[in-house]
């Protein structure tokens, strides 16, 4: 498993798509921080959510994980990968751990940059300083969420091996299907893995993202349910991987 994991981490570091989307996530997070810091006047209770809660790594790592595993089929590297590691469970497990770890690393790097920029803006504008404990808690929750969504993305990508189809499914679930479900049937939508559970697990105030009427879960049960979605996606993805002819 160590060799497999090392191989997956090397793939991540040397893949242009990963580097490009990671840079985009960092740039977007910093842009949001600058805009909210310059254009809003948050109170002390709102300062962390308004200015410092702009880590977009969890959304990007979900897409990156889907692209990472579906790319094995798109670029015809899956055959060589499984010849080197015939145990498909270990192969999928290594990918899951690699993208979960990449999510944590990306989140922490972005959070550090956002914190530095946010503190500079707060100092220049004379805004209330954030509570250190609340800020650190949010950073930790963001990193944990990025790990969870990275793992979830691997399972989804293994299940839907077509890269375009898998990415479209993730985007549709995030921006269309689950928001509609939250608006129409919130008692079911609050258990969704793309919007509701990640929002709850991150500890963000639902009112800050327009979900105050959805009745979202508390962070702890939301995290447990998200782990359940990950386990389900991993099991389904592994079953699909076992059943497939990798050369087709």
C-alpha atoms as a PDB file:
ATOM      1  CA  UNK A   1       0.000   0.000   0.000  1.00  0.00           C
ATOM      2  CA  UNK A   2       2.872   2.395   0.746  1.00  0.00           C
ATOM      3  CA  UNK A   3       4.288   2.007  -2.766  1.00  0.00           C
ATOM      4  CA  UNK A   4       0.843   2.488  -4.302  1.00  0.00           C
ATOM      5  CA  UNK A   5       0.207   5.567  -2.209  1.00  0.00           C
ATOM      6  CA  UNK A   6       3.571   7.042  -3.126  1.00  0.00           C
ATOM      7  CA  UNK A   7       2.809   6.420  -6.794  1.00  0.00           C
ATOM      8  CA  UNK A   8      -0.568   8.175  -6.512  1.00  0.00           C
ATOM      9  CA  UNK A   9       0.982  11.179  -4.780  1.00  0.00           C
ATOM     10  CA  UNK A  10       3.576  11.464  -7.539  1.00  0.00           C
ATOM     11  CA  UNK A  11       0.769  11.442 -10.113  1.00  0.00           C
ATOM     12  CA  UNK A  12      -0.923  14.285  -8.265  1.00  0.00           C
ATOM     13  CA  UNK A  13       2.210  16.428  -8.118  1.00  0.00           C
ATOM     14  CA  UNK A  14       2.990  15.944 -11.792  1.00  0.00           C
ATOM     15  CA  UNK A  15      -0.498  16.261 -13.294  1.00  0.00           C
ATOM     16  CA  UNK A  16      -1.112  19.614 -14.969  1.00  0.00           C
ATOM     17  CA  UNK A  17      -4.862  19.463 -14.398  1.00  0.00           C
ATOM     18  CA  UNK A  18      -4.371  19.084 -10.653  1.00  0.00           C
ATOM     19  CA  UNK A  19      -1.909  21.973 -10.490  1.00  0.00           C
ATOM     20  CA  UNK A  20      -4.138  24.211 -12.641  1.00  0.00           C
ATOM     21  CA  UNK A  21      -7.325  23.557 -10.660  1.00  0.00           C
ATOM     22  CA  UNK A  22      -5.497  23.861  -7.337  1.00  0.00           C
ATOM     23  CA  UNK A  23      -4.160  27.247  -8.439  1.00  0.00           C
ATOM     24  CA  UNK A  24      -7.675  28.243  -9.535  1.00  0.00           C
ATOM     25  CA  UNK A  25      -9.058  27.229  -6.134  1.00  0.00           C
ATOM     26  CA  UNK A  26      -6.424  29.343  -4.382  1.00  0.00           C
ATOM     27  CA  UNK A  27      -7.025  32.314  -6.671  1.00  0.00           C
ATOM     28  CA  UNK A  28     -10.799  32.169  -6.261  1.00  0.00           C
ATOM     29  CA  UNK A  29     -10.511  31.856  -2.471  1.00  0.00           C
ATOM     30  CA  UNK A  30      -8.247  34.906  -2.279  1.00  0.00           C
ATOM     31  CA  UNK A  31     -10.494  36.897  -4.609  1.00  0.00           C
ATOM     32  CA  UNK A  32     -13.525  36.140  -2.429  1.00  0.00           C
ATOM     33  CA  UNK A  33     -11.557  37.135   0.660  1.00  0.00           C
ATOM     34  CA  UNK A  34     -10.539  40.465  -0.859  1.00  0.00           C
ATOM     35  CA  UNK A  35     -14.065  41.229  -2.084  1.00  0.00           C
ATOM     36  CA  UNK A  36     -15.778  40.365   1.187  1.00  0.00           C
ATOM     37  CA  UNK A  37     -13.098  42.109   3.209  1.00  0.00           C
ATOM     38  CA  UNK A  38     -13.266  45.310   1.173  1.00  0.00           C
ATOM     39  CA  UNK A  39     -16.969  45.499   0.353  1.00  0.00           C
ATOM     40  CA  UNK A  40     -18.600  44.391   3.625  1.00  0.00           C
ATOM     41  CA  UNK A  41     -18.613  45.685   7.200  1.00  0.00           C
ATOM     42  CA  UNK A  42     -19.021  42.560   9.339  1.00  0.00           C
ATOM     43  CA  UNK A  43     -19.406  42.625  13.100  1.00  0.00           C
ATOM     44  CA  UNK A  44     -17.085  40.688  15.384  1.00  0.00           C
ATOM     45  CA  UNK A  45     -19.506  37.752  15.374  1.00  0.00           C
ATOM     46  CA  UNK A  46     -19.629  37.743  11.573  1.00  0.00           C
ATOM     47  CA  UNK A  47     -15.983  38.410  10.740  1.00  0.00           C
ATOM     48  CA  UNK A  48     -14.845  34.771  10.416  1.00  0.00           C
ATOM     49  CA  UNK A  49     -17.810  33.701   8.281  1.00  0.00           C
ATOM     50  CA  UNK A  50     -17.735  36.844   6.142  1.00  0.00           C
ATOM     51  CA  UNK A  51     -14.020  37.358   5.498  1.00  0.00           C
ATOM     52  CA  UNK A  52     -12.142  34.192   6.413  1.00  0.00           C
ATOM     53  CA  UNK A  53     -14.571  31.411   5.385  1.00  0.00           C
ATOM     54  CA  UNK A  54     -13.623  31.478   1.712  1.00  0.00           C
ATOM     55  CA  UNK A  55     -11.710  28.221   1.332  1.00  0.00           C
ATOM     56  CA  UNK A  56     -12.991  26.661  -1.909  1.00  0.00           C
ATOM     57  CA  UNK A  57     -10.682  23.639  -1.763  1.00  0.00           C
ATOM     58  CA  UNK A  58     -13.419  21.130  -0.879  1.00  0.00           C
ATOM     59  CA  UNK A  59     -15.388  21.848  -4.066  1.00  0.00           C
ATOM     60  CA  UNK A  60     -12.286  21.693  -6.240  1.00  0.00           C
ATOM     61  CA  UNK A  61     -10.847  18.540  -4.660  1.00  0.00           C
ATOM     62  CA  UNK A  62     -14.147  16.753  -5.314  1.00  0.00           C
ATOM     63  CA  UNK A  63     -13.871  17.537  -9.015  1.00  0.00           C
ATOM     64  CA  UNK A  64     -10.135  16.791  -9.040  1.00  0.00           C
ATOM     65  CA  UNK A  65     -10.696  13.367  -7.467  1.00  0.00           C
ATOM     66  CA  UNK A  66     -13.337  12.512 -10.062  1.00  0.00           C
ATOM     67  CA  UNK A  67     -11.022  13.665 -12.860  1.00  0.00           C
ATOM     68  CA  UNK A  68      -8.077  11.819 -11.304  1.00  0.00           C
ATOM     69  CA  UNK A  69      -9.621   8.359 -11.347  1.00  0.00           C
ATOM     70  CA  UNK A  70     -11.690   8.701 -14.532  1.00  0.00           C
ATOM     71  CA  UNK A  71      -8.534   9.936 -16.251  1.00  0.00           C
ATOM     72  CA  UNK A  72      -7.106   6.428 -15.818  1.00  0.00           C
ATOM     73  CA  UNK A  73      -9.631   5.224 -18.396  1.00  0.00           C
ATOM     74  CA  UNK A  74      -9.565   8.323 -20.560  1.00  0.00           C
ATOM     75  CA  UNK A  75      -5.784   8.165 -20.984  1.00  0.00           C
ATOM     76  CA  UNK A  76      -5.662   4.338 -21.085  1.00  0.00           C
ATOM     77  CA  UNK A  77      -3.367   4.135 -18.046  1.00  0.00           C
ATOM     78  CA  UNK A  78      -5.710   1.909 -16.030  1.00  0.00           C
ATOM     79  CA  UNK A  79      -4.355  -1.304 -17.562  1.00  0.00           C
ATOM     80  CA  UNK A  80      -0.762  -0.509 -16.614  1.00  0.00           C
ATOM     81  CA  UNK A  81      -1.842   0.668 -13.161  1.00  0.00           C
ATOM     82  CA  UNK A  82      -3.662  -2.577 -12.439  1.00  0.00           C
ATOM     83  CA  UNK A  83      -0.889  -4.706 -13.882  1.00  0.00           C
ATOM     84  CA  UNK A  84       1.436  -3.053 -11.373  1.00  0.00           C
ATOM     85  CA  UNK A  85      -1.171  -3.386  -8.604  1.00  0.00           C
ATOM     86  CA  UNK A  86      -3.576  -6.263  -9.431  1.00  0.00           C
ATOM     87  CA  UNK A  87      -5.452  -5.908  -6.134  1.00  0.00           C
ATOM     88  CA  UNK A  88      -8.181  -3.484  -7.151  1.00  0.00           C
ATOM     89  CA  UNK A  89      -9.240  -2.829  -3.574  1.00  0.00           C
ATOM     90  CA  UNK A  90      -5.734  -1.633  -2.675  1.00  0.00           C
ATOM     91  CA  UNK A  91      -5.578   0.397  -5.885  1.00  0.00           C
ATOM     92  CA  UNK A  92      -8.841   2.189  -5.083  1.00  0.00           C
ATOM     93  CA  UNK A  93      -7.867   2.551  -1.431  1.00  0.00           C
ATOM     94  CA  UNK A  94      -4.556   4.187  -2.354  1.00  0.00           C
ATOM     95  CA  UNK A  95      -6.325   6.663  -4.632  1.00  0.00           C
ATOM     96  CA  UNK A  96      -8.847   7.465  -1.913  1.00  0.00           C
ATOM     97  CA  UNK A  97      -6.153   8.137   0.691  1.00  0.00           C
ATOM     98  CA  UNK A  98      -4.087  10.160  -1.789  1.00  0.00           C
ATOM     99  CA  UNK A  99      -6.937  12.496  -2.707  1.00  0.00           C
ATOM    100  CA  UNK A 100      -8.072  12.803   0.901  1.00  0.00           C
ATOM    101  CA  UNK A 101      -4.529  13.822   1.849  1.00  0.00           C
ATOM    102  CA  UNK A 102      -4.305  16.179  -1.117  1.00  0.00           C
ATOM    103  CA  UNK A 103      -7.553  17.789   0.034  1.00  0.00           C
ATOM    104  CA  UNK A 104      -6.119  18.430   3.484  1.00  0.00           C
ATOM    105  CA  UNK A 105      -2.886  19.877   2.091  1.00  0.00           C
ATOM    106  CA  UNK A 106      -4.683  22.113  -0.408  1.00  0.00           C
ATOM    107  CA  UNK A 107      -7.146  23.319   2.216  1.00  0.00           C
ATOM    108  CA  UNK A 108      -4.443  24.189   4.721  1.00  0.00           C
ATOM    109  CA  UNK A 109      -2.399  26.072   2.118  1.00  0.00           C
ATOM    110  CA  UNK A 110      -5.438  28.052   0.975  1.00  0.00           C
ATOM    111  CA  UNK A 111      -6.545  28.714   4.549  1.00  0.00           C
ATOM    112  CA  UNK A 112      -3.089  30.056   5.401  1.00  0.00           C
ATOM    113  CA  UNK A 113      -3.155  32.416   2.410  1.00  0.00           C
ATOM    114  CA  UNK A 114      -6.731  33.521   3.138  1.00  0.00           C
ATOM    115  CA  UNK A 115      -5.868  34.149   6.795  1.00  0.00           C
ATOM    116  CA  UNK A 116      -2.850  36.296   5.934  1.00  0.00           C
ATOM    117  CA  UNK A 117      -4.751  38.359   3.374  1.00  0.00           C
ATOM    118  CA  UNK A 118      -7.810  38.583   5.613  1.00  0.00           C
ATOM    119  CA  UNK A 119      -5.788  39.818   8.597  1.00  0.00           C
ATOM    120  CA  UNK A 120      -4.125  42.467   6.435  1.00  0.00           C
ATOM    121  CA  UNK A 121      -7.509  43.727   5.235  1.00  0.00           C
ATOM    122  CA  UNK A 122      -8.912  43.697   8.777  1.00  0.00           C
ATOM    123  CA  UNK A 123      -5.941  45.709  10.034  1.00  0.00           C
ATOM    124  CA  UNK A 124      -6.079  48.266   7.209  1.00  0.00           C
ATOM    125  CA  UNK A 125      -9.840  48.785   7.434  1.00  0.00           C
ATOM    126  CA  UNK A 126     -10.014  48.690  11.223  1.00  0.00           C
ATOM    127  CA  UNK A 127     -12.498  45.805  11.241  1.00  0.00           C
ATOM    128  CA  UNK A 128     -12.973  43.610  14.341  1.00  0.00           C
ATOM    129  CA  UNK A 129     -10.258  40.998  14.785  1.00  0.00           C
ATOM    130  CA  UNK A 130     -11.393  37.375  14.426  1.00  0.00           C
ATOM    131  CA  UNK A 131     -11.484  35.101  17.448  1.00  0.00           C
ATOM    132  CA  UNK A 132      -8.416  32.872  17.151  1.00  0.00           C
ATOM    133  CA  UNK A 133     -10.200  29.771  18.453  1.00  0.00           C
ATOM    134  CA  UNK A 134     -13.122  30.184  16.067  1.00  0.00           C
ATOM    135  CA  UNK A 135     -10.769  30.767  13.142  1.00  0.00           C
ATOM    136  CA  UNK A 136      -8.660  27.694  13.925  1.00  0.00           C
ATOM    137  CA  UNK A 137     -11.791  25.579  14.323  1.00  0.00           C
ATOM    138  CA  UNK A 138     -13.034  26.690  10.921  1.00  0.00           C
ATOM    139  CA  UNK A 139      -9.656  25.927   9.317  1.00  0.00           C
ATOM    140  CA  UNK A 140      -9.664  22.443  10.859  1.00  0.00           C
ATOM    141  CA  UNK A 141     -13.230  21.775   9.725  1.00  0.00           C
ATOM    142  CA  UNK A 142     -12.404  22.980   6.199  1.00  0.00           C
ATOM    143  CA  UNK A 143      -9.410  20.646   5.989  1.00  0.00           C
ATOM    144  CA  UNK A 144     -11.483  17.726   7.246  1.00  0.00           C
ATOM    145  CA  UNK A 145     -14.235  18.481   4.739  1.00  0.00           C
ATOM    146  CA  UNK A 146     -11.722  18.636   1.878  1.00  0.00           C
ATOM    147  CA  UNK A 147     -10.439  15.202   2.901  1.00  0.00           C
ATOM    148  CA  UNK A 148     -13.963  13.786   2.961  1.00  0.00           C
ATOM    149  CA  UNK A 149     -14.940  15.194  -0.433  1.00  0.00           C
ATOM    150  CA  UNK A 150     -11.652  14.064  -1.973  1.00  0.00           C
ATOM    151  CA  UNK A 151     -12.436  10.522  -0.832  1.00  0.00           C
ATOM    152  CA  UNK A 152     -16.044  10.825  -2.027  1.00  0.00           C
ATOM    153  CA  UNK A 153     -14.901  11.953  -5.467  1.00  0.00           C
ATOM    154  CA  UNK A 154     -12.748   8.857  -5.931  1.00  0.00           C
ATOM    155  CA  UNK A 155     -15.712   6.596  -5.243  1.00  0.00           C
ATOM    156  CA  UNK A 156     -17.926   8.515  -7.658  1.00  0.00           C
ATOM    157  CA  UNK A 157     -15.264   8.473 -10.358  1.00  0.00           C
ATOM    158  CA  UNK A 158     -14.772   4.729  -9.981  1.00  0.00           C
ATOM    159  CA  UNK A 159     -18.513   4.224 -10.335  1.00  0.00           C
ATOM    160  CA  UNK A 160     -18.971   6.551 -13.335  1.00  0.00           C
ATOM    161  CA  UNK A 161     -15.801   5.950 -15.316  1.00  0.00           C
ATOM    162  CA  UNK A 162     -16.649   8.326 -18.184  1.00  0.00           C
ATOM    163  CA  UNK A 163     -14.805  11.518 -17.255  1.00  0.00           C
ATOM    164  CA  UNK A 164     -17.199  14.017 -18.820  1.00  0.00           C
ATOM    165  CA  UNK A 165     -20.227  12.170 -17.486  1.00  0.00           C
ATOM    166  CA  UNK A 166     -18.795  11.995 -13.965  1.00  0.00           C
ATOM    167  CA  UNK A 167     -17.868  15.682 -13.849  1.00  0.00           C
ATOM    168  CA  UNK A 168     -21.278  16.676 -15.232  1.00  0.00           C
ATOM    169  CA  UNK A 169     -22.970  14.485 -12.601  1.00  0.00           C
ATOM    170  CA  UNK A 170     -21.029  16.211  -9.813  1.00  0.00           C
ATOM    171  CA  UNK A 171     -21.743  19.697 -11.147  1.00  0.00           C
ATOM    172  CA  UNK A 172     -25.424  18.887 -11.717  1.00  0.00           C
ATOM    173  CA  UNK A 173     -25.745  17.485  -8.208  1.00  0.00           C
ATOM    174  CA  UNK A 174     -24.022  20.502  -6.689  1.00  0.00           C
ATOM    175  CA  UNK A 175     -25.614  23.339  -8.631  1.00  0.00           C
ATOM    176  CA  UNK A 176     -28.955  21.935  -9.763  1.00  0.00           C
ATOM    177  CA  UNK A 177     -30.366  18.751  -8.272  1.00  0.00           C
ATOM    178  CA  UNK A 178     -29.524  19.188  -4.612  1.00  0.00           C
ATOM    179  CA  UNK A 179     -30.394  22.924  -4.455  1.00  0.00           C
ATOM    180  CA  UNK A 180     -33.773  22.110  -6.022  1.00  0.00           C
ATOM    181  CA  UNK A 181     -34.283  19.302  -3.522  1.00  0.00           C
ATOM    182  CA  UNK A 182     -33.378  21.625  -0.645  1.00  0.00           C
ATOM    183  CA  UNK A 183     -35.908  24.176  -1.882  1.00  0.00           C
ATOM    184  CA  UNK A 184     -38.732  21.736  -2.610  1.00  0.00           C
ATOM    185  CA  UNK A 185     -38.203  18.885  -0.133  1.00  0.00           C
ATOM    186  CA  UNK A 186     -35.766  20.205   2.515  1.00  0.00           C
ATOM    187  CA  UNK A 187     -36.406  17.289   4.871  1.00  0.00           C
ATOM    188  CA  UNK A 188     -34.783  15.042   2.241  1.00  0.00           C
ATOM    189  CA  UNK A 189     -32.369  17.569   0.732  1.00  0.00           C
ATOM    190  CA  UNK A 190     -30.567  18.141   4.016  1.00  0.00           C
ATOM    191  CA  UNK A 191     -29.075  14.660   3.703  1.00  0.00           C
ATOM    192  CA  UNK A 192     -27.477  15.408   0.324  1.00  0.00           C
ATOM    193  CA  UNK A 193     -23.699  14.903  -0.055  1.00  0.00           C
ATOM    194  CA  UNK A 194     -22.918  17.823  -2.381  1.00  0.00           C
ATOM    195  CA  UNK A 195     -24.331  20.896  -0.612  1.00  0.00           C
ATOM    196  CA  UNK A 196     -26.249  20.228   2.592  1.00  0.00           C
ATOM    197  CA  UNK A 197     -23.954  17.832   4.451  1.00  0.00           C
ATOM    198  CA  UNK A 198     -20.727  19.669   3.465  1.00  0.00           C
ATOM    199  CA  UNK A 199     -22.251  22.971   4.616  1.00  0.00           C
ATOM    200  CA  UNK A 200     -23.279  21.408   7.921  1.00  0.00           C
ATOM    201  CA  UNK A 201     -19.952  19.605   8.428  1.00  0.00           C
ATOM    202  CA  UNK A 202     -17.986  22.816   7.828  1.00  0.00           C
ATOM    203  CA  UNK A 203     -19.849  24.555  10.644  1.00  0.00           C
ATOM    204  CA  UNK A 204     -20.903  27.472   8.437  1.00  0.00           C
ATOM    205  CA  UNK A 205     -24.015  29.317   9.582  1.00  0.00           C
ATOM    206  CA  UNK A 206     -26.809  28.160   7.188  1.00  0.00           C
ATOM    207  CA  UNK A 207     -28.160  31.715   7.111  1.00  0.00           C
ATOM    208  CA  UNK A 208     -24.870  32.927   5.630  1.00  0.00           C
ATOM    209  CA  UNK A 209     -25.371  30.695   2.574  1.00  0.00           C
ATOM    210  CA  UNK A 210     -29.127  31.069   2.232  1.00  0.00           C
ATOM    211  CA  UNK A 211     -30.059  27.692   3.734  1.00  0.00           C
ATOM    212  CA  UNK A 212     -31.646  28.852   6.972  1.00  0.00           C
ATOM    213  CA  UNK A 213     -35.007  27.279   5.985  1.00  0.00           C
ATOM    214  CA  UNK A 214     -33.537  23.871   5.146  1.00  0.00           C
ATOM    215  CA  UNK A 215     -33.154  22.668   8.731  1.00  0.00           C
ATOM    216  CA  UNK A 216     -29.591  21.473   8.248  1.00  0.00           C
ATOM    217  CA  UNK A 217     -28.027  18.984  10.615  1.00  0.00           C
ATOM    218  CA  UNK A 218     -25.442  19.759  13.285  1.00  0.00           C
ATOM    219  CA  UNK A 219     -21.776  19.333  12.206  1.00  0.00           C
ATOM    220  CA  UNK A 220     -21.177  16.011  13.981  1.00  0.00           C
ATOM    221  CA  UNK A 221     -24.107  13.982  12.589  1.00  0.00           C
ATOM    222  CA  UNK A 222     -23.566  15.612   9.185  1.00  0.00           C
ATOM    223  CA  UNK A 223     -19.963  14.407   9.185  1.00  0.00           C
ATOM    224  CA  UNK A 224     -21.040  10.877  10.095  1.00  0.00           C
ATOM    225  CA  UNK A 225     -23.612  10.840   7.293  1.00  0.00           C
ATOM    226  CA  UNK A 226     -21.035  12.151   4.846  1.00  0.00           C
ATOM    227  CA  UNK A 227     -18.772   9.263   5.872  1.00  0.00           C
ATOM    228  CA  UNK A 228     -21.692   6.968   5.082  1.00  0.00           C
ATOM    229  CA  UNK A 229     -21.976   8.467   1.582  1.00  0.00           C
ATOM    230  CA  UNK A 230     -18.218   7.955   1.120  1.00  0.00           C
ATOM    231  CA  UNK A 231     -18.454   4.309   2.195  1.00  0.00           C
ATOM    232  CA  UNK A 232     -21.401   3.763  -0.173  1.00  0.00           C
ATOM    233  CA  UNK A 233     -19.602   5.421  -3.112  1.00  0.00           C
ATOM    234  CA  UNK A 234     -16.403   3.473  -2.386  1.00  0.00           C
ATOM    235  CA  UNK A 235     -18.244   0.142  -2.203  1.00  0.00           C
ATOM    236  CA  UNK A 236     -20.193   0.828  -5.401  1.00  0.00           C
ATOM    237  CA  UNK A 237     -17.067   2.066  -7.166  1.00  0.00           C
ATOM    238  CA  UNK A 238     -15.088  -0.982  -6.098  1.00  0.00           C
ATOM    239  CA  UNK A 239     -17.865  -3.327  -7.256  1.00  0.00           C
ATOM    240  CA  UNK A 240     -17.918  -1.578 -10.633  1.00  0.00           C
ATOM    241  CA  UNK A 241     -14.127  -1.675 -10.873  1.00  0.00           C
ATOM    242  CA  UNK A 242     -14.053  -5.414 -10.168  1.00  0.00           C
ATOM    243  CA  UNK A 243     -16.721  -6.110 -12.765  1.00  0.00           C
ATOM    244  CA  UNK A 244     -15.137  -4.100 -15.574  1.00  0.00           C
ATOM    245  CA  UNK A 245     -12.801  -5.229 -18.277  1.00  0.00           C
ATOM    246  CA  UNK A 246     -10.120  -2.525 -17.943  1.00  0.00           C
ATOM    247  CA  UNK A 247      -9.198  -2.771 -21.606  1.00  0.00           C
ATOM    248  CA  UNK A 248     -12.701  -1.935 -22.819  1.00  0.00           C
END
